[in-house]
Amino acid sequence: MDGWDWVSRVHREEAGHATSAAGALVAGVGAVLLGIGAANDTGWLAVAGGIVAGVGIVGWELLRHVAIDQKLMGRLDRLEK
């Protein structure tokens, strides 16, 4: 058994919603940049961090919808037919 089999298993299973974590990671980085910019009174860094955090939140929601919701709705549509 390969040591990396768990990665593909988690990716295939419904419990491993790792795809949408990319957006949350970007949002987290943006929030940290926003905090650093605000603490150091660096306006451009605070603004850039806020923008990155906002893009990360929207990206998380978009990735979650594409990776989870569409598959779930497709299965429900097939069951209804």
PDB file of N, CA and C in Angstrom:
ATOM      1  N   MET A   1       0.847  -1.178   0.000  1.00  0.00           N
ATOM      2  CA  MET A   1       0.000   0.000   0.000  1.00  0.00           C
ATOM      3  C   MET A   1       0.890   1.238   0.000  1.00  0.00           C
ATOM      4  N   ASP A   2       0.595   2.125  -0.907  1.00  0.00           N
ATOM      5  CA  ASP A   2       1.344   3.366  -1.021  1.00  0.00           C
ATOM      6  C   ASP A   2       1.012   4.279   0.163  1.00  0.00           C
ATOM      7  N   GLY A   3       1.978   5.021   0.621  1.00  0.00           N
ATOM      8  CA  GLY A   3       1.772   5.908   1.746  1.00  0.00           C
ATOM      9  C   GLY A   3       0.838   7.064   1.461  1.00  0.00           C
ATOM     10  N   TRP A   4       0.597   7.349   0.189  1.00  0.00           N
ATOM     11  CA  TRP A   4      -0.247   8.484  -0.183  1.00  0.00           C
ATOM     12  C   TRP A   4      -1.647   8.064  -0.611  1.00  0.00           C
ATOM     13  N   ASP A   5      -2.036   6.812  -0.394  1.00  0.00           N
ATOM     14  CA  ASP A   5      -3.379   6.352  -0.760  1.00  0.00           C
ATOM     15  C   ASP A   5      -4.467   7.117  -0.011  1.00  0.00           C
ATOM     16  N   TRP A   6      -4.175   7.512   1.202  1.00  0.00           N
ATOM     17  CA  TRP A   6      -5.173   8.227   1.995  1.00  0.00           C
ATOM     18  C   TRP A   6      -5.539   9.553   1.351  1.00  0.00           C
ATOM     19  N   VAL A   7      -4.617  10.177   0.615  1.00  0.00           N
ATOM     20  CA  VAL A   7      -4.912  11.455  -0.029  1.00  0.00           C
ATOM     21  C   VAL A   7      -5.983  11.269  -1.105  1.00  0.00           C
ATOM     22  N   SER A   8      -5.820  10.263  -1.949  1.00  0.00           N
ATOM     23  CA  SER A   8      -6.823  10.037  -2.987  1.00  0.00           C
ATOM     24  C   SER A   8      -8.135   9.557  -2.386  1.00  0.00           C
ATOM     25  N   ARG A   9      -8.080   8.789  -1.299  1.00  0.00           N
ATOM     26  CA  ARG A   9      -9.306   8.328  -0.653  1.00  0.00           C
ATOM     27  C   ARG A   9     -10.080   9.504  -0.062  1.00  0.00           C
ATOM     28  N   VAL A  10      -9.380  10.410   0.611  1.00  0.00           N
ATOM     29  CA  VAL A  10     -10.037  11.581   1.182  1.00  0.00           C
ATOM     30  C   VAL A  10     -10.602  12.460   0.075  1.00  0.00           C
ATOM     31  N   HIS A  11      -9.884  12.564  -1.037  1.00  0.00           N
ATOM     32  CA  HIS A  11     -10.358  13.386  -2.147  1.00  0.00           C
ATOM     33  C   HIS A  11     -11.615  12.792  -2.777  1.00  0.00           C
ATOM     34  N   ARG A  12     -11.714  11.472  -2.855  1.00  0.00           N
ATOM     35  CA  ARG A  12     -12.881  10.818  -3.457  1.00  0.00           C
ATOM     36  C   ARG A  12     -14.084  10.802  -2.523  1.00  0.00           C
ATOM     37  N   GLU A  13     -13.855  10.677  -1.223  1.00  0.00           N
ATOM     38  CA  GLU A  13     -14.940  10.575  -0.268  1.00  0.00           C
ATOM     39  C   GLU A  13     -15.623  11.924  -0.074  1.00  0.00           C
ATOM     40  N   GLU A  14     -16.856  11.855   0.336  1.00  0.00           N
ATOM     41  CA  GLU A  14     -17.610  13.073   0.555  1.00  0.00           C
ATOM     42  C   GLU A  14     -17.149  13.804   1.815  1.00  0.00           C
ATOM     43  N   ALA A  15     -16.532  13.080   2.733  1.00  0.00           N
ATOM     44  CA  ALA A  15     -16.091  13.706   3.972  1.00  0.00           C
ATOM     45  C   ALA A  15     -14.869  14.600   3.776  1.00  0.00           C
ATOM     46  N   GLY A  16     -14.114  14.426   2.713  1.00  0.00           N
ATOM     47  CA  GLY A  16     -12.902  15.207   2.504  1.00  0.00           C
ATOM     48  C   GLY A  16     -13.106  16.370   1.557  1.00  0.00           C
ATOM     49  N   HIS A  17     -13.679  17.425   2.043  1.00  0.00           N
ATOM     50  CA  HIS A  17     -13.958  18.586   1.207  1.00  0.00           C
ATOM     51  C   HIS A  17     -12.727  19.483   1.151  1.00  0.00           C
ATOM     52  N   ALA A  18     -11.648  18.928   0.672  1.00  0.00           N
ATOM     53  CA  ALA A  18     -10.380  19.656   0.674  1.00  0.00           C
ATOM     54  C   ALA A  18     -10.310  20.725  -0.403  1.00  0.00           C
ATOM     55  N   THR A  19     -11.102  20.609  -1.440  1.00  0.00           N
ATOM     56  CA  THR A  19     -11.025  21.573  -2.538  1.00  0.00           C
ATOM     57  C   THR A  19     -11.359  22.977  -2.077  1.00  0.00           C
ATOM     58  N   SER A  20     -12.396  23.111  -1.266  1.00  0.00           N
ATOM     59  CA  SER A  20     -12.813  24.448  -0.851  1.00  0.00           C
ATOM     60  C   SER A  20     -11.876  25.063   0.178  1.00  0.00           C
ATOM     61  N   ALA A  21     -10.963  24.288   0.721  1.00  0.00           N
ATOM     62  CA  ALA A  21     -10.024  24.818   1.715  1.00  0.00           C
ATOM     63  C   ALA A  21      -9.060  25.830   1.105  1.00  0.00           C
ATOM     64  N   ALA A  22      -8.850  25.782  -0.191  1.00  0.00           N
ATOM     65  CA  ALA A  22      -7.952  26.745  -0.840  1.00  0.00           C
ATOM     66  C   ALA A  22      -8.461  28.170  -0.658  1.00  0.00           C
ATOM     67  N   GLY A  23      -9.760  28.373  -0.816  1.00  0.00           N
ATOM     68  CA  GLY A  23     -10.327  29.702  -0.616  1.00  0.00           C
ATOM     69  C   GLY A  23     -10.202  30.164   0.820  1.00  0.00           C
ATOM     70  N   ALA A  24     -10.404  29.251   1.758  1.00  0.00           N
ATOM     71  CA  ALA A  24     -10.270  29.603   3.174  1.00  0.00           C
ATOM     72  C   ALA A  24      -8.825  29.953   3.515  1.00  0.00           C
ATOM     73  N   LEU A  25      -7.886  29.275   2.886  1.00  0.00           N
ATOM     74  CA  LEU A  25      -6.474  29.578   3.117  1.00  0.00           C
ATOM     75  C   LEU A  25      -6.132  30.985   2.615  1.00  0.00           C
ATOM     76  N   VAL A  26      -6.629  31.339   1.443  1.00  0.00           N
ATOM     77  CA  VAL A  26      -6.398  32.684   0.900  1.00  0.00           C
ATOM     78  C   VAL A  26      -7.033  33.730   1.812  1.00  0.00           C
ATOM     79  N   ALA A  27      -8.250  33.463   2.289  1.00  0.00           N
ATOM     80  CA  ALA A  27      -8.915  34.396   3.199  1.00  0.00           C
ATOM     81  C   ALA A  27      -8.125  34.559   4.495  1.00  0.00           C
ATOM     82  N   GLY A  28      -7.567  33.478   4.992  1.00  0.00           N
ATOM     83  CA  GLY A  28      -6.762  33.560   6.210  1.00  0.00           C
ATOM     84  C   GLY A  28      -5.507  34.394   6.030  1.00  0.00           C
ATOM     85  N   VAL A  29      -4.855  34.221   4.900  1.00  0.00           N
ATOM     86  CA  VAL A  29      -3.658  35.024   4.603  1.00  0.00           C
ATOM     87  C   VAL A  29      -4.036  36.498   4.512  1.00  0.00           C
ATOM     88  N   GLY A  30      -5.152  36.778   3.852  1.00  0.00           N
ATOM     89  CA  GLY A  30      -5.608  38.165   3.745  1.00  0.00           C
ATOM     90  C   GLY A  30      -5.937  38.770   5.095  1.00  0.00           C
ATOM     91  N   ALA A  31      -6.539  37.985   5.974  1.00  0.00           N
ATOM     92  CA  ALA A  31      -6.871  38.484   7.307  1.00  0.00           C
ATOM     93  C   ALA A  31      -5.615  38.789   8.112  1.00  0.00           C
ATOM     94  N   VAL A  32      -4.602  37.946   7.970  1.00  0.00           N
ATOM     95  CA  VAL A  32      -3.331  38.203   8.670  1.00  0.00           C
ATOM     96  C   VAL A  32      -2.680  39.469   8.133  1.00  0.00           C
ATOM     97  N   LEU A  33      -2.680  39.633   6.814  1.00  0.00           N
ATOM     98  CA  LEU A  33      -2.116  40.851   6.222  1.00  0.00           C
ATOM     99  C   LEU A  33      -2.888  42.090   6.671  1.00  0.00           C
ATOM    100  N   LEU A  34      -4.200  41.969   6.745  1.00  0.00           N
ATOM    101  CA  LEU A  34      -5.024  43.075   7.220  1.00  0.00           C
ATOM    102  C   LEU A  34      -4.660  43.443   8.654  1.00  0.00           C
ATOM    103  N   GLY A  35      -4.491  42.451   9.504  1.00  0.00           N
ATOM    104  CA  GLY A  35      -4.123  42.708  10.891  1.00  0.00           C
ATOM    105  C   GLY A  35      -2.751  43.336  11.028  1.00  0.00           C
ATOM    106  N   ILE A  36      -1.786  42.857  10.249  1.00  0.00           N
ATOM    107  CA  ILE A  36      -0.439  43.434  10.297  1.00  0.00           C
ATOM    108  C   ILE A  36      -0.461  44.873   9.807  1.00  0.00           C
ATOM    109  N   GLY A  37      -1.180  45.106   8.718  1.00  0.00           N
ATOM    110  CA  GLY A  37      -1.272  46.470   8.189  1.00  0.00           C
ATOM    111  C   GLY A  37      -1.951  47.422   9.150  1.00  0.00           C
ATOM    112  N   ALA A  38      -2.990  46.951   9.830  1.00  0.00           N
ATOM    113  CA  ALA A  38      -3.687  47.811  10.791  1.00  0.00           C
ATOM    114  C   ALA A  38      -2.827  48.072  12.024  1.00  0.00           C
ATOM    115  N   ALA A  39      -2.108  47.056  12.489  1.00  0.00           N
ATOM    116  CA  ALA A  39      -1.279  47.228  13.683  1.00  0.00           C
ATOM    117  C   ALA A  39      -0.096  48.161  13.421  1.00  0.00           C
ATOM    118  N   ASN A  40       0.440  48.120  12.215  1.00  0.00           N
ATOM    119  CA  ASN A  40       1.604  48.956  11.900  1.00  0.00           C
ATOM    120  C   ASN A  40       1.215  50.285  11.284  1.00  0.00           C
ATOM    121  N   ASP A  41      -0.073  50.574  11.212  1.00  0.00           N
ATOM    122  CA  ASP A  41      -0.584  51.805  10.606  1.00  0.00           C
ATOM    123  C   ASP A  41      -0.087  51.946   9.157  1.00  0.00           C
ATOM    124  N   THR A  42      -0.086  50.803   8.456  1.00  0.00           N
ATOM    125  CA  THR A  42       0.296  50.769   7.050  1.00  0.00           C
ATOM    126  C   THR A  42      -0.990  50.609   6.244  1.00  0.00           C
ATOM    127  N   GLY A  43      -1.471  51.718   5.726  1.00  0.00           N
ATOM    128  CA  GLY A  43      -2.764  51.719   5.061  1.00  0.00           C
ATOM    129  C   GLY A  43      -2.833  50.822   3.845  1.00  0.00           C
ATOM    130  N   TRP A  44      -1.788  50.850   3.015  1.00  0.00           N
ATOM    131  CA  TRP A  44      -1.841  50.055   1.786  1.00  0.00           C
ATOM    132  C   TRP A  44      -1.871  48.555   2.086  1.00  0.00           C
ATOM    133  N   LEU A  45      -1.163  48.134   3.146  1.00  0.00           N
ATOM    134  CA  LEU A  45      -1.154  46.722   3.498  1.00  0.00           C
ATOM    135  C   LEU A  45      -2.503  46.292   4.085  1.00  0.00           C
ATOM    136  N   ALA A  46      -3.109  47.173   4.883  1.00  0.00           N
ATOM    137  CA  ALA A  46      -4.427  46.864   5.438  1.00  0.00           C
ATOM    138  C   ALA A  46      -5.470  46.754   4.329  1.00  0.00           C
ATOM    139  N   VAL A  47      -5.418  47.664   3.361  1.00  0.00           N
ATOM    140  CA  VAL A  47      -6.369  47.623   2.242  1.00  0.00           C
ATOM    141  C   VAL A  47      -6.138  46.376   1.396  1.00  0.00           C
ATOM    142  N   ALA A  48      -4.875  46.093   1.082  1.00  0.00           N
ATOM    143  CA  ALA A  48      -4.562  44.905   0.281  1.00  0.00           C
ATOM    144  C   ALA A  48      -4.987  43.628   1.018  1.00  0.00           C
ATOM    145  N   GLY A  49      -4.753  43.575   2.323  1.00  0.00           N
ATOM    146  CA  GLY A  49      -5.162  42.415   3.109  1.00  0.00           C
ATOM    147  C   GLY A  49      -6.670  42.247   3.131  1.00  0.00           C
ATOM    148  N   GLY A  50      -7.400  43.354   3.216  1.00  0.00           N
ATOM    149  CA  GLY A  50      -8.855  43.286   3.174  1.00  0.00           C
ATOM    150  C   GLY A  50      -9.368  42.779   1.838  1.00  0.00           C
ATOM    151  N   ILE A  51      -8.730  43.230   0.769  1.00  0.00           N
ATOM    152  CA  ILE A  51      -9.125  42.768  -0.568  1.00  0.00           C
ATOM    153  C   ILE A  51      -8.832  41.285  -0.724  1.00  0.00           C
ATOM    154  N   VAL A  52      -7.647  40.852  -0.297  1.00  0.00           N
ATOM    155  CA  VAL A  52      -7.284  39.434  -0.399  1.00  0.00           C
ATOM    156  C   VAL A  52      -8.226  38.585   0.450  1.00  0.00           C
ATOM    157  N   ALA A  53      -8.558  39.054   1.643  1.00  0.00           N
ATOM    158  CA  ALA A  53      -9.487  38.311   2.495  1.00  0.00           C
ATOM    159  C   ALA A  53     -10.864  38.209   1.840  1.00  0.00           C
ATOM    160  N   GLY A  54     -11.334  39.293   1.248  1.00  0.00           N
ATOM    161  CA  GLY A  54     -12.626  39.273   0.565  1.00  0.00           C
ATOM    162  C   GLY A  54     -12.634  38.329  -0.620  1.00  0.00           C
ATOM    163  N   VAL A  55     -11.569  38.353  -1.407  1.00  0.00           N
ATOM    164  CA  VAL A  55     -11.463  37.446  -2.554  1.00  0.00           C
ATOM    165  C   VAL A  55     -11.412  35.997  -2.064  1.00  0.00           C
ATOM    166  N   GLY A  56     -10.725  35.751  -0.969  1.00  0.00           N
ATOM    167  CA  GLY A  56     -10.653  34.399  -0.419  1.00  0.00           C
ATOM    168  C   GLY A  56     -12.003  33.894   0.059  1.00  0.00           C
ATOM    169  N   ILE A  57     -12.788  34.768   0.678  1.00  0.00           N
ATOM    170  CA  ILE A  57     -14.116  34.363   1.150  1.00  0.00           C
ATOM    171  C   ILE A  57     -15.031  34.049  -0.025  1.00  0.00           C
ATOM    172  N   VAL A  58     -15.010  34.903  -1.047  1.00  0.00           N
ATOM    173  CA  VAL A  58     -15.824  34.642  -2.242  1.00  0.00           C
ATOM    174  C   VAL A  58     -15.322  33.379  -2.950  1.00  0.00           C
ATOM    175  N   GLY A  59     -14.008  33.210  -3.026  1.00  0.00           N
ATOM    176  CA  GLY A  59     -13.440  32.011  -3.647  1.00  0.00           C
ATOM    177  C   GLY A  59     -13.802  30.749  -2.898  1.00  0.00           C
ATOM    178  N   TRP A  60     -13.809  30.807  -1.564  1.00  0.00           N
ATOM    179  CA  TRP A  60     -14.192  29.645  -0.768  1.00  0.00           C
ATOM    180  C   TRP A  60     -15.623  29.242  -1.081  1.00  0.00           C
ATOM    181  N   GLU A  61     -16.513  30.227  -1.111  1.00  0.00           N
ATOM    182  CA  GLU A  61     -17.920  29.927  -1.381  1.00  0.00           C
ATOM    183  C   GLU A  61     -18.100  29.366  -2.788  1.00  0.00           C
ATOM    184  N   LEU A  62     -17.395  29.918  -3.756  1.00  0.00           N
ATOM    185  CA  LEU A  62     -17.479  29.433  -5.137  1.00  0.00           C
ATOM    186  C   LEU A  62     -16.941  28.003  -5.253  1.00  0.00           C
ATOM    187  N   LEU A  63     -15.792  27.745  -4.661  1.00  0.00           N
ATOM    188  CA  LEU A  63     -15.221  26.394  -4.705  1.00  0.00           C
ATOM    189  C   LEU A  63     -16.104  25.388  -3.975  1.00  0.00           C
ATOM    190  N   ARG A  64     -16.677  25.796  -2.856  1.00  0.00           N
ATOM    191  CA  ARG A  64     -17.577  24.910  -2.125  1.00  0.00           C
ATOM    192  C   ARG A  64     -18.802  24.571  -2.968  1.00  0.00           C
ATOM    193  N   HIS A  65     -19.324  25.562  -3.640  1.00  0.00           N
ATOM    194  CA  HIS A  65     -20.502  25.330  -4.472  1.00  0.00           C
ATOM    195  C   HIS A  65     -20.180  24.384  -5.628  1.00  0.00           C
ATOM    196  N   VAL A  66     -19.049  24.609  -6.272  1.00  0.00           N
ATOM    197  CA  VAL A  66     -18.674  23.776  -7.416  1.00  0.00           C
ATOM    198  C   VAL A  66     -18.314  22.364  -6.961  1.00  0.00           C
ATOM    199  N   ALA A  67     -17.567  22.251  -5.873  1.00  0.00           N
ATOM    200  CA  ALA A  67     -17.053  20.944  -5.458  1.00  0.00           C
ATOM    201  C   ALA A  67     -18.083  20.108  -4.711  1.00  0.00           C
ATOM    202  N   ILE A  68     -18.979  20.731  -3.977  1.00  0.00           N
ATOM    203  CA  ILE A  68     -19.879  19.973  -3.110  1.00  0.00           C
ATOM    204  C   ILE A  68     -21.330  20.083  -3.569  1.00  0.00           C
ATOM    205  N   ASP A  69     -21.833  21.298  -3.681  1.00  0.00           N
ATOM    206  CA  ASP A  69     -23.258  21.495  -3.948  1.00  0.00           C
ATOM    207  C   ASP A  69     -23.698  20.936  -5.296  1.00  0.00           C
ATOM    208  N   GLN A  70     -22.910  21.157  -6.336  1.00  0.00           N
ATOM    209  CA  GLN A  70     -23.322  20.678  -7.653  1.00  0.00           C
ATOM    210  C   GLN A  70     -23.372  19.157  -7.715  1.00  0.00           C
ATOM    211  N   LYS A  71     -22.419  18.488  -7.094  1.00  0.00           N
ATOM    212  CA  LYS A  71     -22.439  17.023  -7.065  1.00  0.00           C
ATOM    213  C   LYS A  71     -23.636  16.514  -6.279  1.00  0.00           C
ATOM    214  N   LEU A  72     -23.908  17.148  -5.162  1.00  0.00           N
ATOM    215  CA  LEU A  72     -25.034  16.748  -4.335  1.00  0.00           C
ATOM    216  C   LEU A  72     -26.355  16.950  -5.072  1.00  0.00           C
ATOM    217  N   MET A  73     -26.518  18.087  -5.712  1.00  0.00           N
ATOM    218  CA  MET A  73     -27.752  18.346  -6.459  1.00  0.00           C
ATOM    219  C   MET A  73     -27.887  17.415  -7.648  1.00  0.00           C
ATOM    220  N   GLY A  74     -26.783  17.057  -8.283  1.00  0.00           N
ATOM    221  CA  GLY A  74     -26.831  16.097  -9.383  1.00  0.00           C
ATOM    222  C   GLY A  74     -27.321  14.734  -8.918  1.00  0.00           C
ATOM    223  N   ARG A  75     -26.837  14.305  -7.746  1.00  0.00           N
ATOM    224  CA  ARG A  75     -27.307  13.024  -7.205  1.00  0.00           C
ATOM    225  C   ARG A  75     -28.784  13.071  -6.857  1.00  0.00           C
ATOM    226  N   LEU A  76     -29.229  14.174  -6.291  1.00  0.00           N
ATOM    227  CA  LEU A  76     -30.648  14.303  -5.952  1.00  0.00           C
ATOM    228  C   LEU A  76     -31.510  14.316  -7.208  1.00  0.00           C
ATOM    229  N   ASP A  77     -31.041  14.970  -8.256  1.00  0.00           N
ATOM    230  CA  ASP A  77     -31.796  14.982  -9.524  1.00  0.00           C
ATOM    231  C   ASP A  77     -31.913  13.580 -10.097  1.00  0.00           C
ATOM    232  N   ARG A  78     -30.824  12.799 -10.026  1.00  0.00           N
ATOM    233  CA  ARG A  78     -30.869  11.420 -10.543  1.00  0.00           C
ATOM    234  C   ARG A  78     -31.824  10.559  -9.723  1.00  0.00           C
ATOM    235  N   LEU A  79     -31.897  10.791  -8.419  1.00  0.00           N
ATOM    236  CA  LEU A  79     -32.820  10.030  -7.571  1.00  0.00           C
ATOM    237  C   LEU A  79     -34.278  10.369  -7.863  1.00  0.00           C
ATOM    238  N   GLU A  80     -34.536  11.622  -8.208  1.00  0.00           N
ATOM    239  CA  GLU A  80     -35.902  12.048  -8.482  1.00  0.00           C
ATOM    240  C   GLU A  80     -36.443  11.513  -9.788  1.00  0.00           C
ATOM    241  N   LYS A  81     -35.569  11.152 -10.709  1.00  0.00           N
ATOM    242  CA  LYS A  81     -36.012  10.672 -12.026  1.00  0.00           C
ATOM    243  C   LYS A  81     -36.482   9.255 -11.984  1.00  0.00           C
TER     244      LYS A  81
END
